[in-house]
N, C-alpha and C. Protein backbone atom coordinates (compact mmCIF):
# COMPACT_ATOMS: atom_id res chain seq x y z
N UNK A 1 3.37 -48.31 -0.25
CA UNK A 1 3.08 -47.59 -0.73
C UNK A 1 2.28 -46.34 -1.78
N UNK A 2 1.67 -46.51 -2.07
CA UNK A 2 0.66 -46.41 -2.94
C UNK A 2 -0.39 -45.29 -1.88
N UNK A 3 -0.58 -45.55 -0.51
CA UNK A 3 -0.92 -44.65 0.43
C UNK A 3 0.01 -44.14 0.84
N UNK A 4 1.11 -43.49 0.77
CA UNK A 4 1.96 -42.67 0.35
C UNK A 4 1.93 -41.85 -0.44
N UNK A 5 2.12 -42.19 -1.80
CA UNK A 5 1.85 -41.25 -3.05
C UNK A 5 0.35 -40.34 -2.74
N UNK A 6 -0.58 -41.38 -2.32
CA UNK A 6 -1.98 -40.74 -2.32
C UNK A 6 -1.74 -39.25 -1.71
N UNK A 7 -1.33 -39.75 0.44
CA UNK A 7 -1.06 -38.36 0.79
C UNK A 7 0.04 -37.39 0.36
N UNK A 8 0.68 -37.66 -0.52
CA UNK A 8 1.69 -36.79 -0.62
C UNK A 8 0.45 -35.65 -1.75
N UNK A 9 -0.14 -36.58 -2.84
CA UNK A 9 -1.18 -35.61 -3.64
C UNK A 9 -1.91 -35.19 -2.86
N UNK A 10 -2.64 -35.66 -1.72
CA UNK A 10 -3.89 -34.90 -0.96
C UNK A 10 -2.79 -33.86 -0.20
N UNK A 11 -1.59 -33.52 0.47
CA UNK A 11 -1.22 -32.54 1.15
C UNK A 11 -0.95 -31.29 -0.18
N UNK A 12 -0.49 -32.11 -1.16
CA UNK A 12 -0.21 -30.93 -2.46
C UNK A 12 -0.71 -29.74 -2.95
N UNK A 13 -2.09 -30.92 -2.62
CA UNK A 13 -3.52 -30.22 -3.53
C UNK A 13 -3.99 -28.96 -2.50
N UNK A 14 -4.10 -29.65 -0.90
CA UNK A 14 -4.62 -28.71 0.18
C UNK A 14 -3.67 -27.56 -0.18
N UNK A 15 -2.39 -27.78 0.10
CA UNK A 15 -1.06 -26.31 -0.17
C UNK A 15 -1.65 -25.44 -1.04
N UNK A 16 -1.73 -25.99 -2.10
CA UNK A 16 -2.07 -25.15 -3.64
C UNK A 16 -3.36 -24.59 -3.02
N UNK A 17 -4.26 -25.53 -2.97
CA UNK A 17 -5.73 -24.40 -2.34
C UNK A 17 -5.55 -23.49 -0.84
N UNK A 18 -4.41 -23.71 -0.44
CA UNK A 18 -4.63 -22.77 1.36
C UNK A 18 -3.22 -21.42 0.00
N UNK A 19 -2.32 -21.68 -0.97
CA UNK A 19 -2.13 -20.88 -1.42
C UNK A 19 -2.69 -19.68 -1.92
N UNK A 20 -3.52 -20.32 -3.19
CA UNK A 20 -4.45 -19.43 -3.86
C UNK A 20 -5.47 -18.32 -3.35
N UNK A 21 -6.56 -19.29 -1.94
CA UNK A 21 -6.75 -18.34 -1.23
C UNK A 21 -6.03 -17.63 -0.68
N UNK A 22 -5.01 -17.64 -0.01
CA UNK A 22 -3.61 -16.71 0.62
C UNK A 22 -4.06 -15.34 0.00
N UNK A 23 -3.39 -16.11 -1.31
CA UNK A 23 -2.90 -14.54 -2.43
C UNK A 23 -4.40 -14.11 -2.53
N UNK A 24 -5.52 -14.21 -2.50
CA UNK A 24 -6.39 -13.52 -3.21
C UNK A 24 -6.92 -12.64 -2.06
N UNK A 25 -6.67 -12.91 -1.01
CA UNK A 25 -7.07 -12.16 0.63
C UNK A 25 -5.84 -11.50 0.71
N UNK A 26 -4.59 -11.75 0.58
CA UNK A 26 -3.45 -10.34 0.89
C UNK A 26 -3.54 -9.45 0.01
N UNK A 27 -4.03 -9.88 -1.37
CA UNK A 27 -4.26 -8.82 -2.77
C UNK A 27 -5.09 -7.71 -2.36
N UNK A 28 -6.12 -8.39 -2.00
CA UNK A 28 -6.80 -6.56 -1.36
C UNK A 28 -6.78 -5.93 -0.09
N UNK A 29 -5.75 -6.54 0.43
CA UNK A 29 -5.35 -5.70 1.28
C UNK A 29 -4.80 -4.22 0.55
N UNK A 30 -3.64 -4.65 -0.75
CA UNK A 30 -2.98 -3.42 -0.93
C UNK A 30 -3.84 -2.45 -1.15
N UNK A 31 -3.88 -1.58 -0.68
CA UNK A 31 -4.69 -0.31 -1.13
C UNK A 31 -3.91 0.13 -2.54
N UNK A 32 -5.08 1.39 -3.42
CA UNK A 32 -5.03 1.88 -4.06
C UNK A 32 -4.88 3.38 -4.25
N UNK A 33 -3.69 4.56 -3.85
CA UNK A 33 -3.21 5.54 -3.92
C UNK A 33 -3.10 6.28 -5.23
N UNK A 34 -4.01 6.03 -6.38
CA UNK A 34 -3.56 6.40 -6.76
C UNK A 34 -4.66 8.19 -7.22
N UNK A 35 -5.35 7.97 -6.45
CA UNK A 35 -5.99 9.51 -6.27
C UNK A 35 -5.14 10.46 -5.14
N UNK A 36 -3.81 9.93 -4.53
CA UNK A 36 -3.46 10.90 -4.04
C UNK A 36 -2.20 11.10 -5.08
N UNK A 37 -1.74 9.94 -5.69
CA UNK A 37 -1.19 10.54 -7.44
C UNK A 37 -1.47 11.89 -7.86
N UNK A 38 -2.91 11.46 -8.02
CA UNK A 38 -3.44 12.74 -9.37
C UNK A 38 -3.61 13.98 -8.17
N UNK A 39 -3.56 14.13 -7.20
CA UNK A 39 -3.66 15.28 -6.49
C UNK A 39 -2.14 15.87 -6.44
N UNK A 40 -1.43 15.00 -6.59
CA UNK A 40 0.10 15.54 -6.46
C UNK A 40 0.29 16.02 -7.81
N UNK A 41 -0.23 15.25 -8.53
CA UNK A 41 -0.20 15.59 -10.49
C UNK A 41 -0.66 17.18 -10.42
N UNK A 42 -1.91 17.32 -9.83
CA UNK A 42 -2.47 18.48 -10.05
C UNK A 42 -2.68 19.55 -9.06
N UNK A 43 -0.90 19.49 -8.13
CA UNK A 43 -1.05 20.65 -7.29
C UNK A 43 -1.60 20.67 -6.32
N UNK A 44 -2.50 19.97 -5.82
CA UNK A 44 -2.91 19.83 -4.55
C UNK A 44 -2.29 19.68 -3.27
N UNK A 45 -1.14 20.10 -2.80
CA UNK A 45 -0.60 19.48 -2.19
C UNK A 45 -1.16 19.36 -0.63
N UNK A 46 -1.72 20.59 0.05
CA UNK A 46 -2.69 20.59 0.95
C UNK A 46 -3.77 19.53 1.13
N UNK A 47 -4.22 18.98 0.10
CA UNK A 47 -4.81 17.60 0.25
C UNK A 47 -4.24 16.65 0.35
N UNK A 48 -2.98 16.86 -0.29
CA UNK A 48 -2.37 15.36 -0.13
C UNK A 48 -1.81 15.26 0.84
N UNK A 49 -1.23 16.25 1.47
CA UNK A 49 -0.95 16.49 3.38
C UNK A 49 -2.16 16.01 4.08
N UNK A 50 -3.14 16.34 3.69
CA UNK A 50 -4.21 16.00 5.29
C UNK A 50 -5.00 14.70 4.56
N UNK A 51 -4.98 13.86 3.09
CA UNK A 51 -5.08 12.92 2.88
C UNK A 51 -4.05 11.97 3.65
N UNK A 52 -3.27 12.09 3.03
CA UNK A 52 -2.14 11.20 4.04
C UNK A 52 -1.79 11.47 5.32
N UNK A 53 -1.91 12.24 6.14
CA UNK A 53 -2.11 12.38 7.84
C UNK A 53 -3.57 11.61 8.06
N UNK A 54 -4.50 11.13 7.60
CA UNK A 54 -5.74 10.82 7.95
C UNK A 54 -5.79 9.01 7.55
N UNK A 55 -4.81 9.00 6.61
CA UNK A 55 -4.08 7.46 6.45
C UNK A 55 -3.42 6.89 7.46
N UNK A 56 -2.36 7.56 7.68
CA UNK A 56 -0.86 7.29 8.52
C UNK A 56 -1.87 7.32 9.81
N UNK A 57 -2.86 7.81 9.94
CA UNK A 57 -3.45 7.96 11.72
C UNK A 57 -4.21 6.64 11.98
N UNK A 58 -4.56 5.76 10.77
CA UNK A 58 -4.44 4.25 11.33
C UNK A 58 -3.97 3.19 10.53
N UNK A 59 -3.03 3.57 9.95
CA UNK A 59 -1.92 2.88 9.01
C UNK A 59 -0.48 3.49 9.49
N UNK A 60 0.29 3.39 10.56
CA UNK A 60 1.33 4.31 10.56
C UNK A 60 3.03 3.99 10.23
N UNK A 61 2.99 2.22 9.66
CA UNK A 61 3.35 1.70 8.84
C UNK A 61 3.47 1.61 8.07
N UNK A 62 2.76 2.75 7.21
CA UNK A 62 3.17 2.73 5.76
C UNK A 62 4.14 3.63 5.15
N UNK A 63 4.86 2.86 4.18
CA UNK A 63 5.95 4.10 3.37
C UNK A 63 6.35 4.53 2.38
N UNK A 64 4.80 4.16 2.03
CA UNK A 64 4.48 4.41 0.48
C UNK A 64 4.21 6.10 0.90
N UNK A 65 3.10 6.06 2.02
CA UNK A 65 2.15 7.22 2.28
C UNK A 65 3.25 8.26 3.08
N UNK A 66 3.94 7.68 3.71
CA UNK A 66 5.34 8.52 4.30
C UNK A 66 6.30 9.67 2.90
N UNK A 67 6.38 8.93 1.87
CA UNK A 67 6.70 9.39 0.60
C UNK A 67 6.15 10.18 -0.10
N UNK A 68 4.77 10.12 -0.22
CA UNK A 68 4.00 10.87 -1.01
C UNK A 68 4.12 11.86 0.10
N UNK A 69 3.60 12.16 1.07
CA UNK A 69 3.52 13.03 1.94
C UNK A 69 4.75 13.95 2.31
N UNK A 70 5.70 13.44 2.29
CA UNK A 70 6.97 14.27 1.84
C UNK A 70 7.41 14.95 0.14
N UNK A 71 6.74 14.20 -0.45
CA UNK A 71 6.40 14.79 -2.16
C UNK A 71 5.77 16.46 -1.91
N UNK A 72 4.65 15.99 -0.73
CA UNK A 72 4.04 17.61 -0.96
C UNK A 72 4.23 18.07 -0.09
N UNK A 73 4.97 18.13 0.79
CA UNK A 73 5.71 18.92 1.39
C UNK A 73 6.53 19.54 0.69
N UNK A 74 7.33 18.66 -0.08
CA UNK A 74 8.87 19.52 -0.30
C UNK A 74 8.05 20.61 -1.81
N UNK A 75 7.09 20.16 -2.17
CA UNK A 75 6.45 21.08 -3.20
C UNK A 75 6.08 22.00 -2.76
N UNK A 76 5.32 21.92 -1.84
CA UNK A 76 4.66 22.65 -0.84
C UNK A 76 4.67 24.42 -0.12
N UNK A 77 6.18 23.76 -0.04
CA UNK A 77 6.66 24.90 0.92
C UNK A 77 7.16 26.37 0.28
N UNK A 78 6.90 27.38 1.19
CA UNK A 78 6.18 28.42 0.12
C UNK A 78 7.94 29.05 0.19
N UNK A 79 7.76 30.28 -1.06
CA UNK A 79 9.22 30.48 -1.52
C UNK A 79 9.87 31.44 -0.05
N UNK A 80 9.09 32.22 0.07
CA UNK A 80 9.47 33.46 1.26
C UNK A 80 9.70 32.37 2.42
N UNK A 81 9.31 31.12 3.10
CA UNK A 81 9.60 30.38 3.71
C UNK A 81 10.98 29.88 3.49
N UNK A 82 11.13 29.37 2.55
CA UNK A 82 12.35 28.91 2.07
C UNK A 82 13.47 29.33 2.18
N UNK A 83 13.45 30.78 1.79
CA UNK A 83 14.55 31.49 1.82
C UNK A 83 14.59 32.35 3.10
N UNK A 84 14.09 31.89 4.33
CA UNK A 84 14.08 32.00 5.69
C UNK A 84 15.12 31.07 6.11
């Protein structure tokens, strides 16, 4: 019975270590797109569209970038074209 509890403790410790390491690794993968947000606030819509397109060339499944690109297109639309 003592070996069984020792094995449980070792396996739980190993599981805890794996969770801590994987959490720190996956946290690094989330990119910070605050510069794109600043460009949106400043009204640099063409830069936002270009930057988003460059990111989407390498990461085409990023919904956050598609959303920011859509916001830029929505605000970039020239008035004379929108009347047509």
